[in-house]
Amino acid sequence: MRVIRAEDDDPMGKLEMLALLIDWNIRRCNVEGCKALPSTIIAGLEGAHTIGICEEHFQKANKPSGPVKYKFVWDSFNAWDYAEKERNEGSLSTDPYCIDD
């Protein structure tokens, strides 16, 4: 399994991450009900899809309190378009990388 992330202070890493998201067609946090932009890619799981998750879900899963169970979805929702629409309408009041319903 590979966990691919860009550090906040690494602009080149963020560009490389964006290129991977585009190349692998990851358009959302794949956690069911989440509309956030992905900040982490999890790849190379045997028998599983490549997964995009937002920062909030990554941090929740990284806590030492025990395992977190997520239900993943792969659908046509595009978090990039959603964030752009919300930004244009002036209703994007939170970080687009952490938007949960």
PDB file of N, CA and C in Angstrom:
ATOM      1  N   MET A   1       0.843  -1.176   0.000  1.00  0.00           N
ATOM      2  CA  MET A   1       0.000   0.000   0.000  1.00  0.00           C
ATOM      3  C   MET A   1       0.890   1.241   0.000  1.00  0.00           C
ATOM      4  N   ARG A   2       0.477   2.221  -0.766  1.00  0.00           N
ATOM      5  CA  ARG A   2       1.186   3.497  -0.805  1.00  0.00           C
ATOM      6  C   ARG A   2       0.236   4.614  -0.412  1.00  0.00           C
ATOM      7  N   VAL A   3       0.690   5.463   0.498  1.00  0.00           N
ATOM      8  CA  VAL A   3      -0.047   6.655   0.875  1.00  0.00           C
ATOM      9  C   VAL A   3       0.701   7.835   0.288  1.00  0.00           C
ATOM     10  N   ILE A   4       0.060   8.572  -0.592  1.00  0.00           N
ATOM     11  CA  ILE A   4       0.706   9.664  -1.316  1.00  0.00           C
ATOM     12  C   ILE A   4       0.086  10.976  -0.853  1.00  0.00           C
ATOM     13  N   ARG A   5       0.940  11.848  -0.328  1.00  0.00           N
ATOM     14  CA  ARG A   5       0.498  13.147   0.177  1.00  0.00           C
ATOM     15  C   ARG A   5       1.548  14.196  -0.170  1.00  0.00           C
ATOM     16  N   ALA A   6       1.126  15.427  -0.242  1.00  0.00           N
ATOM     17  CA  ALA A   6       2.059  16.544  -0.422  1.00  0.00           C
ATOM     18  C   ALA A   6       2.108  17.320   0.890  1.00  0.00           C
ATOM     19  N   GLU A   7       3.288  17.704   1.287  1.00  0.00           N
ATOM     20  CA  GLU A   7       3.443  18.513   2.492  1.00  0.00           C
ATOM     21  C   GLU A   7       2.955  19.927   2.217  1.00  0.00           C
ATOM     22  N   ASP A   8       2.406  20.577   3.235  1.00  0.00           N
ATOM     23  CA  ASP A   8       1.880  21.935   3.082  1.00  0.00           C
ATOM     24  C   ASP A   8       2.917  22.933   2.587  1.00  0.00           C
ATOM     25  N   ASP A   9       4.172  22.734   2.970  1.00  0.00           N
ATOM     26  CA  ASP A   9       5.219  23.694   2.606  1.00  0.00           C
ATOM     27  C   ASP A   9       5.982  23.289   1.346  1.00  0.00           C
ATOM     28  N   ASP A  10       5.424  22.362   0.563  1.00  0.00           N
ATOM     29  CA  ASP A  10       6.101  21.870  -0.634  1.00  0.00           C
ATOM     30  C   ASP A  10       5.248  22.150  -1.874  1.00  0.00           C
ATOM     31  N   PRO A  11       5.426  23.342  -2.504  1.00  0.00           N
ATOM     32  CA  PRO A  11       4.598  23.678  -3.666  1.00  0.00           C
ATOM     33  C   PRO A  11       4.769  22.698  -4.831  1.00  0.00           C
ATOM     34  N   MET A  12       5.965  22.186  -5.040  1.00  0.00           N
ATOM     35  CA  MET A  12       6.173  21.222  -6.128  1.00  0.00           C
ATOM     36  C   MET A  12       5.448  19.914  -5.829  1.00  0.00           C
ATOM     37  N   GLY A  13       5.433  19.525  -4.579  1.00  0.00           N
ATOM     38  CA  GLY A  13       4.721  18.313  -4.187  1.00  0.00           C
ATOM     39  C   GLY A  13       3.235  18.446  -4.433  1.00  0.00           C
ATOM     40  N   LYS A  14       2.703  19.646  -4.203  1.00  0.00           N
ATOM     41  CA  LYS A  14       1.277  19.870  -4.457  1.00  0.00           C
ATOM     42  C   LYS A  14       0.965  19.782  -5.947  1.00  0.00           C
ATOM     43  N   LEU A  15       1.862  20.284  -6.784  1.00  0.00           N
ATOM     44  CA  LEU A  15       1.666  20.175  -8.236  1.00  0.00           C
ATOM     45  C   LEU A  15       1.724  18.717  -8.680  1.00  0.00           C
ATOM     46  N   GLU A  16       2.666  17.966  -8.124  1.00  0.00           N
ATOM     47  CA  GLU A  16       2.775  16.554  -8.467  1.00  0.00           C
ATOM     48  C   GLU A  16       1.532  15.798  -8.003  1.00  0.00           C
ATOM     49  N   MET A  17       1.028  16.147  -6.830  1.00  0.00           N
ATOM     50  CA  MET A  17      -0.181  15.522  -6.302  1.00  0.00           C
ATOM     51  C   MET A  17      -1.365  15.818  -7.222  1.00  0.00           C
ATOM     52  N   LEU A  18      -1.490  17.063  -7.653  1.00  0.00           N
ATOM     53  CA  LEU A  18      -2.569  17.442  -8.565  1.00  0.00           C
ATOM     54  C   LEU A  18      -2.480  16.639  -9.862  1.00  0.00           C
ATOM     55  N   ALA A  19      -1.276  16.474 -10.377  1.00  0.00           N
ATOM     56  CA  ALA A  19      -1.095  15.697 -11.605  1.00  0.00           C
ATOM     57  C   ALA A  19      -1.541  14.250 -11.412  1.00  0.00           C
ATOM     58  N   LEU A  20      -1.241  13.666 -10.265  1.00  0.00           N
ATOM     59  CA  LEU A  20      -1.677  12.293 -10.000  1.00  0.00           C
ATOM     60  C   LEU A  20      -3.199  12.208  -9.875  1.00  0.00           C
ATOM     61  N   LEU A  21      -3.798  13.170  -9.185  1.00  0.00           N
ATOM     62  CA  LEU A  21      -5.255  13.173  -9.047  1.00  0.00           C
ATOM     63  C   LEU A  21      -5.929  13.225 -10.418  1.00  0.00           C
ATOM     64  N   ILE A  22      -5.400  14.064 -11.297  1.00  0.00           N
ATOM     65  CA  ILE A  22      -5.955  14.182 -12.648  1.00  0.00           C
ATOM     66  C   ILE A  22      -5.707  12.895 -13.425  1.00  0.00           C
ATOM     67  N   ASP A  23      -4.480  12.398 -13.384  1.00  0.00           N
ATOM     68  CA  ASP A  23      -4.111  11.202 -14.140  1.00  0.00           C
ATOM     69  C   ASP A  23      -4.924   9.987 -13.710  1.00  0.00           C
ATOM     70  N   TRP A  24      -5.155   9.853 -12.408  1.00  0.00           N
ATOM     71  CA  TRP A  24      -5.888   8.700 -11.891  1.00  0.00           C
ATOM     72  C   TRP A  24      -7.383   8.967 -11.772  1.00  0.00           C
ATOM     73  N   ASN A  25      -7.850  10.107 -12.276  1.00  0.00           N
ATOM     74  CA  ASN A  25      -9.263  10.467 -12.306  1.00  0.00           C
ATOM     75  C   ASN A  25      -9.904  10.448 -10.908  1.00  0.00           C
ATOM     76  N   ILE A  26      -9.179  10.943  -9.922  1.00  0.00           N
ATOM     77  CA  ILE A  26      -9.702  11.049  -8.567  1.00  0.00           C
ATOM     78  C   ILE A  26     -10.290  12.442  -8.435  1.00  0.00           C
ATOM     79  N   ARG A  27     -11.606  12.531  -8.321  1.00  0.00           N
ATOM     80  CA  ARG A  27     -12.307  13.801  -8.354  1.00  0.00           C
ATOM     81  C   ARG A  27     -12.979  14.176  -7.035  1.00  0.00           C
ATOM     82  N   ARG A  28     -12.784  13.347  -6.008  1.00  0.00           N
ATOM     83  CA  ARG A  28     -13.470  13.594  -4.749  1.00  0.00           C
ATOM     84  C   ARG A  28     -12.819  12.800  -3.624  1.00  0.00           C
ATOM     85  N   CYS A  29     -13.176  13.135  -2.403  1.00  0.00           N
ATOM     86  CA  CYS A  29     -12.900  12.258  -1.275  1.00  0.00           C
ATOM     87  C   CYS A  29     -13.878  11.103  -1.447  1.00  0.00           C
ATOM     88  N   ASN A  30     -13.378   9.885  -1.512  1.00  0.00           N
ATOM     89  CA  ASN A  30     -14.225   8.736  -1.788  1.00  0.00           C
ATOM     90  C   ASN A  30     -15.004   8.229  -0.573  1.00  0.00           C
ATOM     91  N   VAL A  31     -14.925   8.930   0.560  1.00  0.00           N
ATOM     92  CA  VAL A  31     -15.734   8.552   1.714  1.00  0.00           C
ATOM     93  C   VAL A  31     -17.172   8.958   1.429  1.00  0.00           C
ATOM     94  N   GLU A  32     -18.091   8.024   1.616  1.00  0.00           N
ATOM     95  CA  GLU A  32     -19.494   8.274   1.319  1.00  0.00           C
ATOM     96  C   GLU A  32     -20.007   9.516   2.055  1.00  0.00           C
ATOM     97  N   GLY A  33     -20.670  10.416   1.312  1.00  0.00           N
ATOM     98  CA  GLY A  33     -21.260  11.615   1.881  1.00  0.00           C
ATOM     99  C   GLY A  33     -20.333  12.818   1.949  1.00  0.00           C
ATOM    100  N   CYS A  34     -19.065  12.635   1.679  1.00  0.00           N
ATOM    101  CA  CYS A  34     -18.110  13.743   1.746  1.00  0.00           C
ATOM    102  C   CYS A  34     -18.035  14.443   0.392  1.00  0.00           C
ATOM    103  N   LYS A  35     -17.989  15.766   0.415  1.00  0.00           N
ATOM    104  CA  LYS A  35     -17.902  16.554  -0.813  1.00  0.00           C
ATOM    105  C   LYS A  35     -16.567  17.288  -0.920  1.00  0.00           C
ATOM    106  N   ALA A  36     -15.605  16.894  -0.122  1.00  0.00           N
ATOM    107  CA  ALA A  36     -14.332  17.606  -0.067  1.00  0.00           C
ATOM    108  C   ALA A  36     -13.381  17.193  -1.185  1.00  0.00           C
ATOM    109  N   LEU A  37     -12.442  18.082  -1.436  1.00  0.00           N
ATOM    110  CA  LEU A  37     -11.364  17.784  -2.383  1.00  0.00           C
ATOM    111  C   LEU A  37     -10.400  16.799  -1.731  1.00  0.00           C
ATOM    112  N   PRO A  38      -9.873  15.858  -2.500  1.00  0.00           N
ATOM    113  CA  PRO A  38      -8.932  14.901  -1.933  1.00  0.00           C
ATOM    114  C   PRO A  38      -7.572  15.542  -1.671  1.00  0.00           C
ATOM    115  N   SER A  39      -6.960  15.156  -0.565  1.00  0.00           N
ATOM    116  CA  SER A  39      -5.608  15.626  -0.250  1.00  0.00           C
ATOM    117  C   SER A  39      -4.636  14.466  -0.122  1.00  0.00           C
ATOM    118  N   THR A  40      -5.146  13.250  -0.173  1.00  0.00           N
ATOM    119  CA  THR A  40      -4.342  12.045   0.005  1.00  0.00           C
ATOM    120  C   THR A  40      -4.817  10.986  -0.973  1.00  0.00           C
ATOM    121  N   ILE A  41      -3.871  10.246  -1.527  1.00  0.00           N
ATOM    122  CA  ILE A  41      -4.182   9.112  -2.396  1.00  0.00           C
ATOM    123  C   ILE A  41      -3.678   7.858  -1.706  1.00  0.00           C
ATOM    124  N   ILE A  42      -4.527   6.850  -1.661  1.00  0.00           N
ATOM    125  CA  ILE A  42      -4.121   5.549  -1.147  1.00  0.00           C
ATOM    126  C   ILE A  42      -4.206   4.585  -2.316  1.00  0.00           C
ATOM    127  N   ALA A  43      -3.072   4.022  -2.681  1.00  0.00           N
ATOM    128  CA  ALA A  43      -2.986   3.172  -3.865  1.00  0.00           C
ATOM    129  C   ALA A  43      -2.272   1.870  -3.518  1.00  0.00           C
ATOM    130  N   GLY A  44      -2.433   0.907  -4.391  1.00  0.00           N
ATOM    131  CA  GLY A  44      -1.696  -0.333  -4.264  1.00  0.00           C
ATOM    132  C   GLY A  44      -2.280  -1.331  -3.283  1.00  0.00           C
ATOM    133  N   LEU A  45      -3.542  -1.136  -2.898  1.00  0.00           N
ATOM    134  CA  LEU A  45      -4.198  -2.123  -2.048  1.00  0.00           C
ATOM    135  C   LEU A  45      -4.632  -3.284  -2.924  1.00  0.00           C
ATOM    136  N   GLU A  46      -4.237  -4.469  -2.575  1.00  0.00           N
ATOM    137  CA  GLU A  46      -4.561  -5.629  -3.389  1.00  0.00           C
ATOM    138  C   GLU A  46      -6.075  -5.812  -3.468  1.00  0.00           C
ATOM    139  N   GLY A  47      -6.579  -5.886  -4.684  1.00  0.00           N
ATOM    140  CA  GLY A  47      -7.997  -6.101  -4.905  1.00  0.00           C
ATOM    141  C   GLY A  47      -8.878  -4.906  -4.623  1.00  0.00           C
ATOM    142  N   ALA A  48      -8.302  -3.713  -4.533  1.00  0.00           N
ATOM    143  CA  ALA A  48      -9.097  -2.523  -4.202  1.00  0.00           C
ATOM    144  C   ALA A  48      -8.813  -1.404  -5.192  1.00  0.00           C
ATOM    145  N   HIS A  49      -9.753  -0.467  -5.259  1.00  0.00           N
ATOM    146  CA  HIS A  49      -9.590   0.728  -6.082  1.00  0.00           C
ATOM    147  C   HIS A  49      -8.540   1.645  -5.461  1.00  0.00           C
ATOM    148  N   THR A  50      -8.044   2.567  -6.255  1.00  0.00           N
ATOM    149  CA  THR A  50      -7.247   3.667  -5.727  1.00  0.00           C
ATOM    150  C   THR A  50      -8.221   4.635  -5.068  1.00  0.00           C
ATOM    151  N   ILE A  51      -7.876   5.103  -3.882  1.00  0.00           N
ATOM    152  CA  ILE A  51      -8.804   5.888  -3.070  1.00  0.00           C
ATOM    153  C   ILE A  51      -8.265   7.296  -2.882  1.00  0.00           C
ATOM    154  N   GLY A  52      -9.138   8.288  -2.998  1.00  0.00           N
ATOM    155  CA  GLY A  52      -8.810   9.662  -2.637  1.00  0.00           C
ATOM    156  C   GLY A  52      -9.545   9.997  -1.348  1.00  0.00           C
ATOM    157  N   ILE A  53      -8.847  10.599  -0.387  1.00  0.00           N
ATOM    158  CA  ILE A  53      -9.527  11.034   0.835  1.00  0.00           C
ATOM    159  C   ILE A  53      -9.102  12.458   1.182  1.00  0.00           C
ATOM    160  N   CYS A  54     -10.017  13.174   1.843  1.00  0.00           N
ATOM    161  CA  CYS A  54      -9.742  14.555   2.232  1.00  0.00           C
ATOM    162  C   CYS A  54      -8.876  14.573   3.498  1.00  0.00           C
ATOM    163  N   GLU A  55      -8.409  15.749   3.825  1.00  0.00           N
ATOM    164  CA  GLU A  55      -7.537  15.906   4.986  1.00  0.00           C
ATOM    165  C   GLU A  55      -8.240  15.492   6.280  1.00  0.00           C
ATOM    166  N   GLU A  56      -9.493  15.866   6.417  1.00  0.00           N
ATOM    167  CA  GLU A  56     -10.232  15.535   7.644  1.00  0.00           C
ATOM    168  C   GLU A  56     -10.340  14.023   7.843  1.00  0.00           C
ATOM    169  N   HIS A  57     -10.682  13.291   6.788  1.00  0.00           N
ATOM    170  CA  HIS A  57     -10.803  11.843   6.917  1.00  0.00           C
ATOM    171  C   HIS A  57      -9.440  11.179   7.093  1.00  0.00           C
ATOM    172  N   PHE A  58      -8.415  11.738   6.486  1.00  0.00           N
ATOM    173  CA  PHE A  58      -7.061  11.208   6.695  1.00  0.00           C
ATOM    174  C   PHE A  58      -6.650  11.365   8.156  1.00  0.00           C
ATOM    175  N   GLN A  59      -6.882  12.548   8.724  1.00  0.00           N
ATOM    176  CA  GLN A  59      -6.495  12.793  10.112  1.00  0.00           C
ATOM    177  C   GLN A  59      -7.296  11.916  11.075  1.00  0.00           C
ATOM    178  N   LYS A  60      -8.591  11.734  10.817  1.00  0.00           N
ATOM    179  CA  LYS A  60      -9.404  10.858  11.675  1.00  0.00           C
ATOM    180  C   LYS A  60      -8.869   9.427  11.647  1.00  0.00           C
ATOM    181  N   ALA A  61      -8.478   8.962  10.479  1.00  0.00           N
ATOM    182  CA  ALA A  61      -7.970   7.597  10.350  1.00  0.00           C
ATOM    183  C   ALA A  61      -6.584   7.431  10.952  1.00  0.00           C
ATOM    184  N   ASN A  62      -5.860   8.518  11.125  1.00  0.00           N
ATOM    185  CA  ASN A  62      -4.490   8.464  11.640  1.00  0.00           C
ATOM    186  C   ASN A  62      -4.404   8.557  13.160  1.00  0.00           C
ATOM    187  N   LYS A  63      -5.522   8.714  13.844  1.00  0.00           N
ATOM    188  CA  LYS A  63      -5.503   8.836  15.301  1.00  0.00           C
ATOM    189  C   LYS A  63      -5.204   7.478  15.927  1.00  0.00           C
ATOM    190  N   PRO A  64      -4.454   7.474  17.016  1.00  0.00           N
ATOM    191  CA  PRO A  64      -4.098   6.204  17.657  1.00  0.00           C
ATOM    192  C   PRO A  64      -5.238   5.558  18.442  1.00  0.00           C
ATOM    193  N   SER A  65      -6.433   6.147  18.426  1.00  0.00           N
ATOM    194  CA  SER A  65      -7.541   5.638  19.221  1.00  0.00           C
ATOM    195  C   SER A  65      -8.136   4.337  18.681  1.00  0.00           C
ATOM    196  N   GLY A  66      -7.715   3.926  17.544  1.00  0.00           N
ATOM    197  CA  GLY A  66      -8.220   2.671  16.997  1.00  0.00           C
ATOM    198  C   GLY A  66      -8.626   2.811  15.552  1.00  0.00           C
ATOM    199  N   PRO A  67      -9.008   1.699  14.945  1.00  0.00           N
ATOM    200  CA  PRO A  67      -9.354   1.736  13.515  1.00  0.00           C
ATOM    201  C   PRO A  67     -10.628   2.530  13.250  1.00  0.00           C
ATOM    202  N   VAL A  68     -10.647   3.155  12.107  1.00  0.00           N
ATOM    203  CA  VAL A  68     -11.807   3.905  11.631  1.00  0.00           C
ATOM    204  C   VAL A  68     -12.346   3.156  10.429  1.00  0.00           C
ATOM    205  N   LYS A  69     -13.651   3.008  10.373  1.00  0.00           N
ATOM    206  CA  LYS A  69     -14.260   2.332   9.226  1.00  0.00           C
ATOM    207  C   LYS A  69     -14.977   3.365   8.374  1.00  0.00           C
ATOM    208  N   TYR A  70     -14.641   3.365   7.081  1.00  0.00           N
ATOM    209  CA  TYR A  70     -15.284   4.252   6.129  1.00  0.00           C
ATOM    210  C   TYR A  70     -15.968   3.409   5.067  1.00  0.00           C
ATOM    211  N   LYS A  71     -17.062   3.921   4.557  1.00  0.00           N
ATOM    212  CA  LYS A  71     -17.690   3.326   3.385  1.00  0.00           C
ATOM    213  C   LYS A  71     -17.284   4.195   2.205  1.00  0.00           C
ATOM    214  N   PHE A  72     -16.687   3.585   1.192  1.00  0.00           N
ATOM    215  CA  PHE A  72     -16.200   4.330   0.035  1.00  0.00           C
ATOM    216  C   PHE A  72     -17.174   4.221  -1.129  1.00  0.00           C
ATOM    217  N   VAL A  73     -17.244   5.281  -1.905  1.00  0.00           N
ATOM    218  CA  VAL A  73     -18.081   5.316  -3.100  1.00  0.00           C
ATOM    219  C   VAL A  73     -17.252   5.814  -4.283  1.00  0.00           C
ATOM    220  N   TRP A  74     -17.611   5.321  -5.446  1.00  0.00           N
ATOM    221  CA  TRP A  74     -17.022   5.790  -6.701  1.00  0.00           C
ATOM    222  C   TRP A  74     -18.188   6.152  -7.590  1.00  0.00           C
ATOM    223  N   ASP A  75     -18.396   7.435  -7.764  1.00  0.00           N
ATOM    224  CA  ASP A  75     -19.517   7.907  -8.561  1.00  0.00           C
ATOM    225  C   ASP A  75     -19.059   9.074  -9.421  1.00  0.00           C
ATOM    226  N   SER A  76     -20.009   9.783  -9.992  1.00  0.00           N
ATOM    227  CA  SER A  76     -19.653  10.869 -10.911  1.00  0.00           C
ATOM    228  C   SER A  76     -19.508  12.225 -10.215  1.00  0.00           C
ATOM    229  N   PHE A  77     -19.650  12.269  -8.876  1.00  0.00           N
ATOM    230  CA  PHE A  77     -19.521  13.546  -8.174  1.00  0.00           C
ATOM    231  C   PHE A  77     -18.108  14.101  -8.369  1.00  0.00           C
ATOM    232  N   ASN A  78     -18.032  15.401  -8.650  1.00  0.00           N
ATOM    233  CA  ASN A  78     -16.747  16.058  -8.883  1.00  0.00           C
ATOM    234  C   ASN A  78     -16.587  17.179  -7.855  1.00  0.00           C
ATOM    235  N   ALA A  79     -15.735  16.958  -6.865  1.00  0.00           N
ATOM    236  CA  ALA A  79     -15.530  17.949  -5.802  1.00  0.00           C
ATOM    237  C   ALA A  79     -14.886  19.229  -6.326  1.00  0.00           C
ATOM    238  N   TRP A  80     -14.129  19.140  -7.405  1.00  0.00           N
ATOM    239  CA  TRP A  80     -13.504  20.338  -7.980  1.00  0.00           C
ATOM    240  C   TRP A  80     -14.583  21.273  -8.522  1.00  0.00           C
ATOM    241  N   ASP A  81     -15.541  20.692  -9.262  1.00  0.00           N
ATOM    242  CA  ASP A  81     -16.646  21.501  -9.794  1.00  0.00           C
ATOM    243  C   ASP A  81     -17.518  22.043  -8.668  1.00  0.00           C
ATOM    244  N   TYR A  82     -17.771  21.229  -7.655  1.00  0.00           N
ATOM    245  CA  TYR A  82     -18.587  21.643  -6.516  1.00  0.00           C
ATOM    246  C   TYR A  82     -17.941  22.823  -5.793  1.00  0.00           C
ATOM    247  N   ALA A  83     -16.650  22.727  -5.521  1.00  0.00           N
ATOM    248  CA  ALA A  83     -15.945  23.814  -4.822  1.00  0.00           C
ATOM    249  C   ALA A  83     -15.955  25.090  -5.658  1.00  0.00           C
ATOM    250  N   GLU A  84     -15.779  24.956  -6.969  1.00  0.00           N
ATOM    251  CA  GLU A  84     -15.793  26.131  -7.858  1.00  0.00           C
ATOM    252  C   GLU A  84     -17.175  26.788  -7.864  1.00  0.00           C
ATOM    253  N   LYS A  85     -18.215  25.973  -7.945  1.00  0.00           N
ATOM    254  CA  LYS A  85     -19.583  26.500  -7.939  1.00  0.00           C
ATOM    255  C   LYS A  85     -19.865  27.216  -6.617  1.00  0.00           C
ATOM    256  N   GLU A  86     -19.498  26.603  -5.510  1.00  0.00           N
ATOM    257  CA  GLU A  86     -19.719  27.202  -4.198  1.00  0.00           C
ATOM    258  C   GLU A  86     -18.918  28.505  -4.052  1.00  0.00           C
ATOM    259  N   ARG A  87     -17.710  28.514  -4.574  1.00  0.00           N
ATOM    260  CA  ARG A  87     -16.861  29.712  -4.510  1.00  0.00           C
ATOM    261  C   ARG A  87     -17.486  30.836  -5.322  1.00  0.00           C
ATOM    262  N   ASN A  88     -17.991  30.523  -6.519  1.00  0.00           N
ATOM    263  CA  ASN A  88     -18.612  31.529  -7.383  1.00  0.00           C
ATOM    264  C   ASN A  88     -19.905  32.079  -6.795  1.00  0.00           C
ATOM    265  N   GLU A  89     -20.637  31.245  -6.074  1.00  0.00           N
ATOM    266  CA  GLU A  89     -21.876  31.684  -5.442  1.00  0.00           C
ATOM    267  C   GLU A  89     -21.633  32.364  -4.104  1.00  0.00           C
ATOM    268  N   GLY A  90     -20.387  32.338  -3.644  1.00  0.00           N
ATOM    269  CA  GLY A  90     -20.042  32.965  -2.375  1.00  0.00           C
ATOM    270  C   GLY A  90     -20.482  32.182  -1.158  1.00  0.00           C
ATOM    271  N   SER A  91     -20.829  30.925  -1.338  1.00  0.00           N
ATOM    272  CA  SER A  91     -21.308  30.138  -0.205  1.00  0.00           C
ATOM    273  C   SER A  91     -20.260  29.164   0.322  1.00  0.00           C
ATOM    274  N   LEU A  92     -19.055  29.192  -0.217  1.00  0.00           N
ATOM    275  CA  LEU A  92     -17.989  28.320   0.275  1.00  0.00           C
ATOM    276  C   LEU A  92     -17.360  28.994   1.483  1.00  0.00           C
ATOM    277  N   SER A  93     -17.847  28.636   2.659  1.00  0.00           N
ATOM    278  CA  SER A  93     -17.405  29.305   3.883  1.00  0.00           C
ATOM    279  C   SER A  93     -16.350  28.506   4.640  1.00  0.00           C
ATOM    280  N   THR A  94     -16.070  27.268   4.197  1.00  0.00           N
ATOM    281  CA  THR A  94     -15.086  26.442   4.867  1.00  0.00           C
ATOM    282  C   THR A  94     -14.003  26.037   3.889  1.00  0.00           C
ATOM    283  N   ASP A  95     -13.022  25.376   4.398  1.00  0.00           N
ATOM    284  CA  ASP A  95     -11.934  24.861   3.594  1.00  0.00           C
ATOM    285  C   ASP A  95     -12.475  23.813   2.622  1.00  0.00           C
ATOM    286  N   PRO A  96     -12.282  23.960   1.297  1.00  0.00           N
ATOM    287  CA  PRO A  96     -12.816  22.997   0.344  1.00  0.00           C
ATOM    288  C   PRO A  96     -12.183  21.624   0.471  1.00  0.00           C
ATOM    289  N   TYR A  97     -11.108  21.513   1.230  1.00  0.00           N
ATOM    290  CA  TYR A  97     -10.479  20.228   1.434  1.00  0.00           C
ATOM    291  C   TYR A  97     -11.103  19.476   2.608  1.00  0.00           C
ATOM    292  N   CYS A  98     -12.044  20.077   3.311  1.00  0.00           N
ATOM    293  CA  CYS A  98     -12.694  19.441   4.464  1.00  0.00           C
ATOM    294  C   CYS A  98     -14.171  19.811   4.488  1.00  0.00           C
ATOM    295  N   ILE A  99     -14.938  19.272   3.578  1.00  0.00           N
ATOM    296  CA  ILE A  99     -16.369  19.561   3.522  1.00  0.00           C
ATOM    297  C   ILE A  99     -17.115  18.254   3.739  1.00  0.00           C
ATOM    298  N   ASP A 100     -17.773  18.127   4.851  1.00  0.00           N
ATOM    299  CA  ASP A 100     -18.569  16.937   5.160  1.00  0.00           C
ATOM    300  C   ASP A 100     -20.028  17.319   5.190  1.00  0.00           C
ATOM    301  N   ASP A 101     -20.883  16.448   4.700  1.00  0.00           N
ATOM    302  CA  ASP A 101     -22.335  16.633   4.844  1.00  0.00           C
ATOM    303  C   ASP A 101     -22.767  16.070   6.172  1.00  0.00           C
TER     304      ASP A 101
END
